[in-house]
Amino acid sequence: MPATTAWEDFRLVKAIADARALTGAARDLGINHSTVFRRLGALEEALGTRLFERSRGGYAPTAAGEEMIGLAGRMDQDIVDFERKIAGRDVKPAGELRVATNDTLLVHLLTPVFATFRAAFPDIRLDVAVGNPALNLARRDADVAIRATIEPDETLVGRRIARFGWARYAARTWIDAGRPLDGDDAPWVGFGDSLAHLTAGKWLNANIGARRLVYRVDTVLGMAEAVAAGIGLGLLPCFIGDRVPGLARISLQKTSDVGENLWLLTHADMRNSARVRAFMDHAGAELTKLKKLIEGAP
């Protein structure tokens, strides 16, 4: 391989392979299509071999291209590892901190915690990534994650805050109207497909059944609103159900059946970062104050 082959060449080849097209690669790299075309041609000429076969289906890597793509992936991971370790050595709690969580936790638990953290550490800028899919802390998609899970990945470190309490809820208007709170005639609100993997979702499918799940939605916040609107009964986390106006708790569900744990997590390489350590300590203390609410204690 010629000495002129640089990391940017590997990035180029990997981007083309990922997109299977020059246009997509150009977009991902932030350059124009003609530049990608010109650089690929120059690289193949310098190497003396074709890296991609062109067809109607797009750009497919040759054997030489596959080798270069594999090496690019390893190089990319090494760079990410290096950046993560260097970022974990900061000594002053300052700079940007990216925190990953979901909309349910953000709206009903975390925003006041973020507010007090910002007041205590004004030199740290918070970037909150919201979504149900878990971001990859090893790739620094986020610095800290606040997650509901049974057990976190073994590469992560942190603390377990509490076990989520879940309960059965109904709209107060539903109860006042004397509508059924149990039995085959009672309709239920359930989880959409993207949340069906949750322990509570599995419990609903096993114990309530598809026929009685008359309304499904891909957000717990939406479920709470649906129950409050009188669409059906619902199984909700207590920290939401006990706070949403118009809802009444019917009965507490055994946590062994439905409850994940609330975890505050970071990657092992980031735990000594001053800004990560400051956030973990502050958020851990503030969330611990809410333990009874999270667990659904009376």
C-alpha atoms as a PDB file:
ATOM      1  CA  MET A   1       0.000   0.000   0.000  1.00  0.00           C
ATOM      2  CA  PRO A   2       1.496   3.380  -0.939  1.00  0.00           C
ATOM      3  CA  ALA A   3       2.736   5.683   1.827  1.00  0.00           C
ATOM      4  CA  THR A   4       0.226   8.331   0.725  1.00  0.00           C
ATOM      5  CA  THR A   5      -2.732   6.249   1.924  1.00  0.00           C
ATOM      6  CA  ALA A   6      -4.149   8.219   4.872  1.00  0.00           C
ATOM      7  CA  TRP A   7      -6.948   7.862   7.391  1.00  0.00           C
ATOM      8  CA  GLU A   8      -9.161  10.038   5.191  1.00  0.00           C
ATOM      9  CA  ASP A   9      -8.830   7.423   2.436  1.00  0.00           C
ATOM     10  CA  PHE A  10     -10.065   4.723   4.791  1.00  0.00           C
ATOM     11  CA  ARG A  11     -12.970   6.946   5.885  1.00  0.00           C
ATOM     12  CA  LEU A  12     -13.865   7.488   2.246  1.00  0.00           C
ATOM     13  CA  VAL A  13     -13.948   3.773   1.434  1.00  0.00           C
ATOM     14  CA  LYS A  14     -15.960   2.936   4.559  1.00  0.00           C
ATOM     15  CA  ALA A  15     -18.481   5.694   3.825  1.00  0.00           C
ATOM     16  CA  ILE A  16     -19.012   4.413   0.274  1.00  0.00           C
ATOM     17  CA  ALA A  17     -19.437   0.860   1.564  1.00  0.00           C
ATOM     18  CA  ASP A  18     -21.943   1.963   4.226  1.00  0.00           C
ATOM     19  CA  ALA A  19     -24.003   4.020   1.759  1.00  0.00           C
ATOM     20  CA  ARG A  20     -23.433   1.749  -1.285  1.00  0.00           C
ATOM     21  CA  ALA A  21     -23.470   4.949  -3.322  1.00  0.00           C
ATOM     22  CA  LEU A  22     -21.304   8.004  -3.887  1.00  0.00           C
ATOM     23  CA  THR A  23     -24.123  10.430  -3.158  1.00  0.00           C
ATOM     24  CA  GLY A  24     -24.794   8.953   0.283  1.00  0.00           C
ATOM     25  CA  ALA A  25     -21.087   8.822   1.076  1.00  0.00           C
ATOM     26  CA  ALA A  26     -20.710  12.475   0.061  1.00  0.00           C
ATOM     27  CA  ARG A  27     -23.557  13.447   2.381  1.00  0.00           C
ATOM     28  CA  ASP A  28     -22.083  11.519   5.316  1.00  0.00           C
ATOM     29  CA  LEU A  29     -18.616  12.996   4.759  1.00  0.00           C
ATOM     30  CA  GLY A  30     -19.851  16.528   4.197  1.00  0.00           C
ATOM     31  CA  ILE A  31     -18.320  16.871   0.722  1.00  0.00           C
ATOM     32  CA  ASN A  32     -19.751  16.897  -2.790  1.00  0.00           C
ATOM     33  CA  HIS A  33     -20.373  13.942  -5.092  1.00  0.00           C
ATOM     34  CA  SER A  34     -17.674  14.884  -7.596  1.00  0.00           C
ATOM     35  CA  THR A  35     -15.042  15.034  -4.847  1.00  0.00           C
ATOM     36  CA  VAL A  36     -15.920  11.514  -3.712  1.00  0.00           C
ATOM     37  CA  PHE A  37     -15.763  10.263  -7.315  1.00  0.00           C
ATOM     38  CA  ARG A  38     -12.404  11.942  -7.915  1.00  0.00           C
ATOM     39  CA  ARG A  39     -10.836  10.760  -4.649  1.00  0.00           C
ATOM     40  CA  LEU A  40     -11.992   7.163  -5.144  1.00  0.00           C
ATOM     41  CA  GLY A  41     -10.562   7.114  -8.654  1.00  0.00           C
ATOM     42  CA  ALA A  42      -7.243   8.526  -7.465  1.00  0.00           C
ATOM     43  CA  LEU A  43      -7.052   6.025  -4.609  1.00  0.00           C
ATOM     44  CA  GLU A  44      -7.772   3.021  -6.856  1.00  0.00           C
ATOM     45  CA  GLU A  45      -5.153   4.236  -9.314  1.00  0.00           C
ATOM     46  CA  ALA A  46      -2.574   4.652  -6.531  1.00  0.00           C
ATOM     47  CA  LEU A  47      -3.321   1.168  -5.157  1.00  0.00           C
ATOM     48  CA  GLY A  48      -3.410  -0.409  -8.593  1.00  0.00           C
ATOM     49  CA  THR A  49      -6.676  -2.229  -7.898  1.00  0.00           C
ATOM     50  CA  ARG A  50     -10.415  -1.669  -7.900  1.00  0.00           C
ATOM     51  CA  LEU A  51     -12.012  -1.262  -4.488  1.00  0.00           C
ATOM     52  CA  PHE A  52     -15.644  -1.402  -5.677  1.00  0.00           C
ATOM     53  CA  GLU A  53     -17.663  -2.989  -8.431  1.00  0.00           C
ATOM     54  CA  ARG A  54     -20.253  -0.627  -9.900  1.00  0.00           C
ATOM     55  CA  SER A  55     -23.719  -1.959 -10.746  1.00  0.00           C
ATOM     56  CA  ARG A  56     -27.363  -0.891 -10.736  1.00  0.00           C
ATOM     57  CA  GLY A  57     -27.576  -2.064  -7.134  1.00  0.00           C
ATOM     58  CA  GLY A  58     -24.859   0.347  -6.067  1.00  0.00           C
ATOM     59  CA  TYR A  59     -21.202   0.086  -5.103  1.00  0.00           C
ATOM     60  CA  ALA A  60     -20.194  -3.385  -3.891  1.00  0.00           C
ATOM     61  CA  PRO A  61     -16.696  -3.802  -2.383  1.00  0.00           C
ATOM     62  CA  THR A  62     -14.168  -6.092  -4.041  1.00  0.00           C
ATOM     63  CA  ALA A  63     -11.926  -8.374  -1.965  1.00  0.00           C
ATOM     64  CA  ALA A  64      -9.403  -5.537  -1.691  1.00  0.00           C
ATOM     65  CA  GLY A  65     -12.192  -3.170  -0.716  1.00  0.00           C
ATOM     66  CA  GLU A  66     -13.401  -5.548   1.997  1.00  0.00           C
ATOM     67  CA  GLU A  67      -9.904  -5.652   3.516  1.00  0.00           C
ATOM     68  CA  MET A  68      -9.715  -1.874   3.558  1.00  0.00           C
ATOM     69  CA  ILE A  69     -13.200  -1.556   5.061  1.00  0.00           C
ATOM     70  CA  GLY A  70     -12.324  -4.003   7.846  1.00  0.00           C
ATOM     71  CA  LEU A  71      -9.168  -2.090   8.666  1.00  0.00           C
ATOM     72  CA  ALA A  72     -11.102   1.203   8.598  1.00  0.00           C
ATOM     73  CA  GLY A  73     -13.569  -0.178  11.130  1.00  0.00           C
ATOM     74  CA  ARG A  74     -10.775  -1.216  13.483  1.00  0.00           C
ATOM     75  CA  MET A  75      -9.054   2.151  13.096  1.00  0.00           C
ATOM     76  CA  ASP A  76     -12.321   3.964  13.780  1.00  0.00           C
ATOM     77  CA  GLN A  77     -12.863   1.981  16.979  1.00  0.00           C
ATOM     78  CA  ASP A  78      -9.282   2.658  18.111  1.00  0.00           C
ATOM     79  CA  ILE A  79      -9.807   6.379  17.613  1.00  0.00           C
ATOM     80  CA  VAL A  80     -13.079   6.300  19.561  1.00  0.00           C
ATOM     81  CA  ASP A  81     -11.374   4.380  22.387  1.00  0.00           C
ATOM     82  CA  PHE A  82      -8.535   6.912  22.479  1.00  0.00           C
ATOM     83  CA  GLU A  83     -10.887   9.910  22.521  1.00  0.00           C
ATOM     84  CA  ARG A  84     -12.987   8.350  25.285  1.00  0.00           C
ATOM     85  CA  LYS A  85      -9.952   7.699  27.476  1.00  0.00           C
ATOM     86  CA  ILE A  86      -8.593  11.205  26.946  1.00  0.00           C
ATOM     87  CA  ALA A  87     -12.010  12.715  27.687  1.00  0.00           C
ATOM     88  CA  GLY A  88     -12.077  10.728  30.920  1.00  0.00           C
ATOM     89  CA  ARG A  89      -8.969  12.511  32.198  1.00  0.00           C
ATOM     90  CA  ASP A  90     -10.339  16.031  32.501  1.00  0.00           C
ATOM     91  CA  VAL A  91      -9.785  17.600  35.918  1.00  0.00           C
ATOM     92  CA  LYS A  92     -12.263  20.488  35.969  1.00  0.00           C
ATOM     93  CA  PRO A  93     -16.042  20.004  35.829  1.00  0.00           C
ATOM     94  CA  ALA A  94     -16.566  22.037  32.668  1.00  0.00           C
ATOM     95  CA  GLY A  95     -17.486  21.571  29.019  1.00  0.00           C
ATOM     96  CA  GLU A  96     -20.287  19.624  27.376  1.00  0.00           C
ATOM     97  CA  LEU A  97     -21.932  16.574  28.937  1.00  0.00           C
ATOM     98  CA  ARG A  98     -24.228  14.421  26.800  1.00  0.00           C
ATOM     99  CA  VAL A  99     -26.865  12.541  28.790  1.00  0.00           C
ATOM    100  CA  ALA A 100     -29.056   9.861  27.219  1.00  0.00           C
ATOM    101  CA  THR A 101     -32.473   8.977  28.604  1.00  0.00           C
ATOM    102  CA  ASN A 102     -36.078   8.502  27.463  1.00  0.00           C
ATOM    103  CA  ASP A 103     -39.015  10.889  27.310  1.00  0.00           C
ATOM    104  CA  THR A 104     -40.804   9.292  30.260  1.00  0.00           C
ATOM    105  CA  LEU A 105     -37.918   9.807  32.668  1.00  0.00           C
ATOM    106  CA  LEU A 106     -37.139  13.263  31.295  1.00  0.00           C
ATOM    107  CA  VAL A 107     -40.642  14.665  31.750  1.00  0.00           C
ATOM    108  CA  HIS A 108     -41.554  13.135  35.100  1.00  0.00           C
ATOM    109  CA  LEU A 109     -38.207  12.779  36.919  1.00  0.00           C
ATOM    110  CA  LEU A 110     -35.134  14.323  35.391  1.00  0.00           C
ATOM    111  CA  THR A 111     -35.754  17.908  34.310  1.00  0.00           C
ATOM    112  CA  PRO A 112     -35.702  19.271  37.904  1.00  0.00           C
ATOM    113  CA  VAL A 113     -32.512  17.250  38.500  1.00  0.00           C
ATOM    114  CA  PHE A 114     -30.930  18.795  35.409  1.00  0.00           C
ATOM    115  CA  ALA A 115     -31.981  22.246  36.610  1.00  0.00           C
ATOM    116  CA  THR A 116     -30.312  21.887  40.015  1.00  0.00           C
ATOM    117  CA  PHE A 117     -27.221  20.393  38.378  1.00  0.00           C
ATOM    118  CA  ARG A 118     -26.887  23.379  36.042  1.00  0.00           C
ATOM    119  CA  ALA A 119     -27.223  25.731  39.004  1.00  0.00           C
ATOM    120  CA  ALA A 120     -24.488  23.865  40.863  1.00  0.00           C
ATOM    121  CA  PHE A 121     -22.167  23.482  37.838  1.00  0.00           C
ATOM    122  CA  PRO A 122     -22.713  26.456  35.503  1.00  0.00           C
ATOM    123  CA  ASP A 123     -19.573  25.644  33.478  1.00  0.00           C
ATOM    124  CA  ILE A 124     -21.079  22.344  32.259  1.00  0.00           C
ATOM    125  CA  ARG A 125     -23.382  22.453  29.243  1.00  0.00           C
ATOM    126  CA  LEU A 126     -25.952  19.658  29.126  1.00  0.00           C
ATOM    127  CA  ASP A 127     -26.909  17.979  25.842  1.00  0.00           C
ATOM    128  CA  VAL A 128     -29.837  15.636  26.546  1.00  0.00           C
ATOM    129  CA  ALA A 129     -30.448  12.890  23.984  1.00  0.00           C
ATOM    130  CA  VAL A 130     -34.010  11.565  24.251  1.00  0.00           C
ATOM    131  CA  GLY A 131     -35.145   8.244  22.800  1.00  0.00           C
ATOM    132  CA  ASN A 132     -36.126   4.733  23.795  1.00  0.00           C
ATOM    133  CA  PRO A 133     -33.275   2.933  21.962  1.00  0.00           C
ATOM    134  CA  ALA A 134     -30.213   2.765  24.203  1.00  0.00           C
ATOM    135  CA  LEU A 135     -27.296   4.815  22.908  1.00  0.00           C
ATOM    136  CA  ASN A 136     -23.839   3.246  22.808  1.00  0.00           C
ATOM    137  CA  LEU A 137     -21.688   4.668  25.618  1.00  0.00           C
ATOM    138  CA  ALA A 138     -18.650   2.740  24.361  1.00  0.00           C
ATOM    139  CA  ARG A 139     -18.788   4.765  21.139  1.00  0.00           C
ATOM    140  CA  ARG A 140     -19.421   7.977  23.068  1.00  0.00           C
ATOM    141  CA  ASP A 141     -22.911   8.416  21.674  1.00  0.00           C
ATOM    142  CA  ALA A 142     -23.429   9.775  25.190  1.00  0.00           C
ATOM    143  CA  ASP A 143     -21.287  10.316  28.288  1.00  0.00           C
ATOM    144  CA  VAL A 144     -23.939   9.249  30.800  1.00  0.00           C
ATOM    145  CA  ALA A 145     -27.117   7.195  30.461  1.00  0.00           C
ATOM    146  CA  ILE A 146     -30.108   7.122  32.789  1.00  0.00           C
ATOM    147  CA  ARG A 147     -31.892   3.895  31.911  1.00  0.00           C
ATOM    148  CA  ALA A 148     -34.585   1.491  32.973  1.00  0.00           C
ATOM    149  CA  THR A 149     -33.095  -1.991  32.730  1.00  0.00           C
ATOM    150  CA  ILE A 150     -32.749  -5.202  34.714  1.00  0.00           C
ATOM    151  CA  GLU A 151     -28.960  -5.306  34.450  1.00  0.00           C
ATOM    152  CA  PRO A 152     -26.674  -2.918  32.512  1.00  0.00           C
ATOM    153  CA  ASP A 153     -23.990  -3.942  30.058  1.00  0.00           C
ATOM    154  CA  GLU A 154     -20.848  -5.238  31.775  1.00  0.00           C
ATOM    155  CA  THR A 155     -18.697  -2.507  30.176  1.00  0.00           C
ATOM    156  CA  LEU A 156     -20.642   0.161  32.075  1.00  0.00           C
ATOM    157  CA  VAL A 157     -20.283   1.369  35.647  1.00  0.00           C
ATOM    158  CA  GLY A 158     -22.622   3.325  37.863  1.00  0.00           C
ATOM    159  CA  ARG A 159     -25.284   2.854  40.467  1.00  0.00           C
ATOM    160  CA  ARG A 160     -28.723   1.355  40.815  1.00  0.00           C
ATOM    161  CA  ILE A 161     -31.110   4.006  42.131  1.00  0.00           C
ATOM    162  CA  ALA A 162     -34.351   2.084  42.686  1.00  0.00           C
ATOM    163  CA  ARG A 163     -36.679  -0.571  41.343  1.00  0.00           C
ATOM    164  CA  PHE A 164     -39.598   0.872  39.425  1.00  0.00           C
ATOM    165  CA  GLY A 165     -42.981   0.305  40.987  1.00  0.00           C
ATOM    166  CA  TRP A 166     -45.884  -0.274  38.585  1.00  0.00           C
ATOM    167  CA  ALA A 167     -49.584  -0.178  39.371  1.00  0.00           C
ATOM    168  CA  ARG A 168     -52.937  -0.556  37.679  1.00  0.00           C
ATOM    169  CA  TYR A 169     -54.627   2.763  36.993  1.00  0.00           C
ATOM    170  CA  ALA A 170     -57.988   4.004  35.775  1.00  0.00           C
ATOM    171  CA  ALA A 171     -59.414   7.421  35.040  1.00  0.00           C
ATOM    172  CA  ARG A 172     -61.295   8.882  38.002  1.00  0.00           C
ATOM    173  CA  THR A 173     -64.246   9.455  35.678  1.00  0.00           C
ATOM    174  CA  TRP A 174     -64.088   5.751  34.771  1.00  0.00           C
ATOM    175  CA  ILE A 175     -64.363   4.783  38.439  1.00  0.00           C
ATOM    176  CA  ASP A 176     -67.099   7.350  39.145  1.00  0.00           C
ATOM    177  CA  ALA A 177     -69.136   5.927  36.254  1.00  0.00           C
ATOM    178  CA  GLY A 178     -68.909   2.434  37.762  1.00  0.00           C
ATOM    179  CA  ARG A 179     -67.134   0.950  34.758  1.00  0.00           C
ATOM    180  CA  PRO A 180     -65.384  -2.436  35.224  1.00  0.00           C
ATOM    181  CA  LEU A 181     -61.965  -2.454  36.909  1.00  0.00           C
ATOM    182  CA  ASP A 182     -61.231  -6.113  36.152  1.00  0.00           C
ATOM    183  CA  GLY A 183     -62.573  -9.113  34.313  1.00  0.00           C
ATOM    184  CA  ASP A 184     -63.049  -9.937  30.652  1.00  0.00           C
ATOM    185  CA  ASP A 185     -65.190  -6.858  30.001  1.00  0.00           C
ATOM    186  CA  ALA A 186     -62.511  -4.352  30.974  1.00  0.00           C
ATOM    187  CA  PRO A 187     -60.589  -2.825  28.025  1.00  0.00           C
ATOM    188  CA  TRP A 188     -56.913  -1.980  28.476  1.00  0.00           C
ATOM    189  CA  VAL A 189     -54.334   0.387  27.051  1.00  0.00           C
ATOM    190  CA  GLY A 190     -51.118  -1.411  26.004  1.00  0.00           C
ATOM    191  CA  PHE A 191     -47.605  -0.905  24.648  1.00  0.00           C
ATOM    192  CA  GLY A 192     -46.806  -0.485  20.975  1.00  0.00           C
ATOM    193  CA  ASP A 193     -44.379  -2.857  19.266  1.00  0.00           C
ATOM    194  CA  SER A 194     -41.242  -0.813  20.088  1.00  0.00           C
ATOM    195  CA  LEU A 195     -41.950  -1.155  23.836  1.00  0.00           C
ATOM    196  CA  ALA A 196     -43.326  -4.706  23.825  1.00  0.00           C
ATOM    197  CA  HIS A 197     -39.926  -6.003  25.045  1.00  0.00           C
ATOM    198  CA  LEU A 198     -40.393  -4.294  28.425  1.00  0.00           C
ATOM    199  CA  THR A 199     -41.201  -6.607  31.305  1.00  0.00           C
ATOM    200  CA  ALA A 200     -44.485  -4.743  31.799  1.00  0.00           C
ATOM    201  CA  GLY A 201     -45.338  -5.222  28.124  1.00  0.00           C
ATOM    202  CA  LYS A 202     -44.728  -8.950  28.387  1.00  0.00           C
ATOM    203  CA  TRP A 203     -46.893  -9.082  31.515  1.00  0.00           C
ATOM    204  CA  LEU A 204     -49.767  -7.343  29.711  1.00  0.00           C
ATOM    205  CA  ASN A 205     -49.596  -9.703  26.744  1.00  0.00           C
ATOM    206  CA  ALA A 206     -49.495 -12.762  29.015  1.00  0.00           C
ATOM    207  CA  ASN A 207     -52.148 -11.701  31.539  1.00  0.00           C
ATOM    208  CA  ILE A 208     -54.488  -9.349  29.710  1.00  0.00           C
ATOM    209  CA  GLY A 209     -54.254 -10.689  26.163  1.00  0.00           C
ATOM    210  CA  ALA A 210     -54.403  -9.060  22.764  1.00  0.00           C
ATOM    211  CA  ARG A 211     -58.226  -9.006  22.597  1.00  0.00           C
ATOM    212  CA  ARG A 212     -58.568  -6.721  25.637  1.00  0.00           C
ATOM    213  CA  LEU A 213     -55.721  -4.410  24.593  1.00  0.00           C
ATOM    214  CA  VAL A 214     -57.908  -2.001  22.655  1.00  0.00           C
ATOM    215  CA  TYR A 215     -55.349   0.784  22.287  1.00  0.00           C
ATOM    216  CA  ARG A 216     -51.580   0.554  21.851  1.00  0.00           C
ATOM    217  CA  VAL A 217     -49.062   3.377  21.784  1.00  0.00           C
ATOM    218  CA  ASP A 218     -45.252   3.555  21.570  1.00  0.00           C
ATOM    219  CA  THR A 219     -44.718   5.840  24.558  1.00  0.00           C
ATOM    220  CA  VAL A 220     -45.525   5.432  28.238  1.00  0.00           C
ATOM    221  CA  LEU A 221     -46.455   9.119  28.354  1.00  0.00           C
ATOM    222  CA  GLY A 222     -49.066   8.424  25.672  1.00  0.00           C
ATOM    223  CA  MET A 223     -50.356   5.444  27.629  1.00  0.00           C
ATOM    224  CA  ALA A 224     -50.887   7.586  30.721  1.00  0.00           C
ATOM    225  CA  GLU A 225     -52.784  10.182  28.681  1.00  0.00           C
ATOM    226  CA  ALA A 226     -54.934   7.464  27.103  1.00  0.00           C
ATOM    227  CA  VAL A 227     -55.864   5.974  30.478  1.00  0.00           C
ATOM    228  CA  ALA A 228     -56.672   9.446  31.860  1.00  0.00           C
ATOM    229  CA  ALA A 229     -58.887  10.056  28.808  1.00  0.00           C
ATOM    230  CA  GLY A 230     -60.920   6.941  29.636  1.00  0.00           C
ATOM    231  CA  ILE A 231     -59.854   4.709  26.737  1.00  0.00           C
ATOM    232  CA  GLY A 232     -59.162   1.819  29.096  1.00  0.00           C
ATOM    233  CA  LEU A 233     -57.313   0.631  32.163  1.00  0.00           C
ATOM    234  CA  GLY A 234     -53.540   0.811  32.206  1.00  0.00           C
ATOM    235  CA  LEU A 235     -50.400  -0.539  33.828  1.00  0.00           C
ATOM    236  CA  LEU A 236     -48.143   2.455  34.511  1.00  0.00           C
ATOM    237  CA  PRO A 237     -45.012   3.352  36.464  1.00  0.00           C
ATOM    238  CA  CYS A 238     -46.108   4.845  39.783  1.00  0.00           C
ATOM    239  CA  PHE A 239     -43.958   7.947  39.360  1.00  0.00           C
ATOM    240  CA  ILE A 240     -46.165   8.802  36.375  1.00  0.00           C
ATOM    241  CA  GLY A 241     -49.542   7.388  37.374  1.00  0.00           C
ATOM    242  CA  ASP A 242     -49.491   9.000  40.822  1.00  0.00           C
ATOM    243  CA  ARG A 243     -48.783  12.413  39.269  1.00  0.00           C
ATOM    244  CA  VAL A 244     -50.989  12.598  36.183  1.00  0.00           C
ATOM    245  CA  PRO A 245     -54.199  14.508  36.947  1.00  0.00           C
ATOM    246  CA  GLY A 246     -57.349  12.469  36.559  1.00  0.00           C
ATOM    247  CA  LEU A 247     -55.753   9.079  37.288  1.00  0.00           C
ATOM    248  CA  ALA A 248     -56.399   6.825  40.269  1.00  0.00           C
ATOM    249  CA  ARG A 249     -54.312   3.873  41.375  1.00  0.00           C
ATOM    250  CA  ILE A 250     -56.312   0.645  41.545  1.00  0.00           C
ATOM    251  CA  SER A 251     -53.658  -1.714  42.893  1.00  0.00           C
ATOM    252  CA  LEU A 252     -49.884  -2.045  43.072  1.00  0.00           C
ATOM    253  CA  GLN A 253     -48.428  -4.731  40.815  1.00  0.00           C
ATOM    254  CA  LYS A 254     -45.703  -7.026  42.160  1.00  0.00           C
ATOM    255  CA  THR A 255     -42.361  -5.593  41.008  1.00  0.00           C
ATOM    256  CA  SER A 256     -41.031  -9.107  40.462  1.00  0.00           C
ATOM    257  CA  ASP A 257     -43.552  -9.343  37.623  1.00  0.00           C
ATOM    258  CA  VAL A 258     -42.978  -6.042  35.860  1.00  0.00           C
ATOM    259  CA  GLY A 259     -40.279  -3.873  37.396  1.00  0.00           C
ATOM    260  CA  GLU A 260     -36.974  -2.860  35.805  1.00  0.00           C
ATOM    261  CA  ASN A 261     -34.341  -0.946  37.750  1.00  0.00           C
ATOM    262  CA  LEU A 262     -33.400   2.705  37.332  1.00  0.00           C
ATOM    263  CA  TRP A 263     -29.674   2.912  36.612  1.00  0.00           C
ATOM    264  CA  LEU A 264     -27.283   5.852  36.366  1.00  0.00           C
ATOM    265  CA  LEU A 265     -24.459   4.707  34.078  1.00  0.00           C
ATOM    266  CA  THR A 266     -21.258   5.715  32.322  1.00  0.00           C
ATOM    267  CA  HIS A 267     -18.451   3.905  30.535  1.00  0.00           C
ATOM    268  CA  ALA A 268     -15.593   2.696  32.749  1.00  0.00           C
ATOM    269  CA  ASP A 269     -13.127   4.954  30.891  1.00  0.00           C
ATOM    270  CA  MET A 270     -15.254   8.034  31.688  1.00  0.00           C
ATOM    271  CA  ARG A 271     -15.852   7.547  35.395  1.00  0.00           C
ATOM    272  CA  ASN A 272     -12.881   9.727  36.417  1.00  0.00           C
ATOM    273  CA  SER A 273     -13.917  12.620  34.190  1.00  0.00           C
ATOM    274  CA  ALA A 274     -14.620  15.603  36.452  1.00  0.00           C
ATOM    275  CA  ARG A 275     -17.848  16.559  34.676  1.00  0.00           C
ATOM    276  CA  VAL A 276     -19.090  12.950  34.599  1.00  0.00           C
ATOM    277  CA  ARG A 277     -18.218  12.420  38.254  1.00  0.00           C
ATOM    278  CA  ALA A 278     -19.959  15.676  39.207  1.00  0.00           C
ATOM    279  CA  PHE A 279     -23.107  14.661  37.354  1.00  0.00           C
ATOM    280  CA  MET A 280     -23.144  11.093  38.675  1.00  0.00           C
ATOM    281  CA  ASP A 281     -22.811  12.328  42.263  1.00  0.00           C
ATOM    282  CA  HIS A 282     -25.406  15.074  41.910  1.00  0.00           C
ATOM    283  CA  ALA A 283     -27.995  13.081  39.947  1.00  0.00           C
ATOM    284  CA  GLY A 284     -27.510  10.044  42.167  1.00  0.00           C
ATOM    285  CA  ALA A 285     -28.213  12.073  45.303  1.00  0.00           C
ATOM    286  CA  GLU A 286     -31.234  13.850  43.827  1.00  0.00           C
ATOM    287  CA  LEU A 287     -32.811  10.706  42.395  1.00  0.00           C
ATOM    288  CA  THR A 288     -32.289   8.823  45.664  1.00  0.00           C
ATOM    289  CA  LYS A 289     -34.511  11.452  47.322  1.00  0.00           C
ATOM    290  CA  LEU A 290     -37.267  10.312  44.929  1.00  0.00           C
ATOM    291  CA  LYS A 291     -36.851   6.602  45.676  1.00  0.00           C
ATOM    292  CA  LYS A 292     -40.255   6.190  47.381  1.00  0.00           C
ATOM    293  CA  LEU A 293     -41.996   7.837  44.446  1.00  0.00           C
ATOM    294  CA  ILE A 294     -40.110   5.668  41.918  1.00  0.00           C
ATOM    295  CA  GLU A 295     -40.855   2.454  43.813  1.00  0.00           C
ATOM    296  CA  GLY A 296     -44.525   3.359  44.318  1.00  0.00           C
ATOM    297  CA  ALA A 297     -44.367   3.290  48.097  1.00  0.00           C
ATOM    298  CA  PRO A 298     -47.629   4.373  49.753  1.00  0.00           C
END
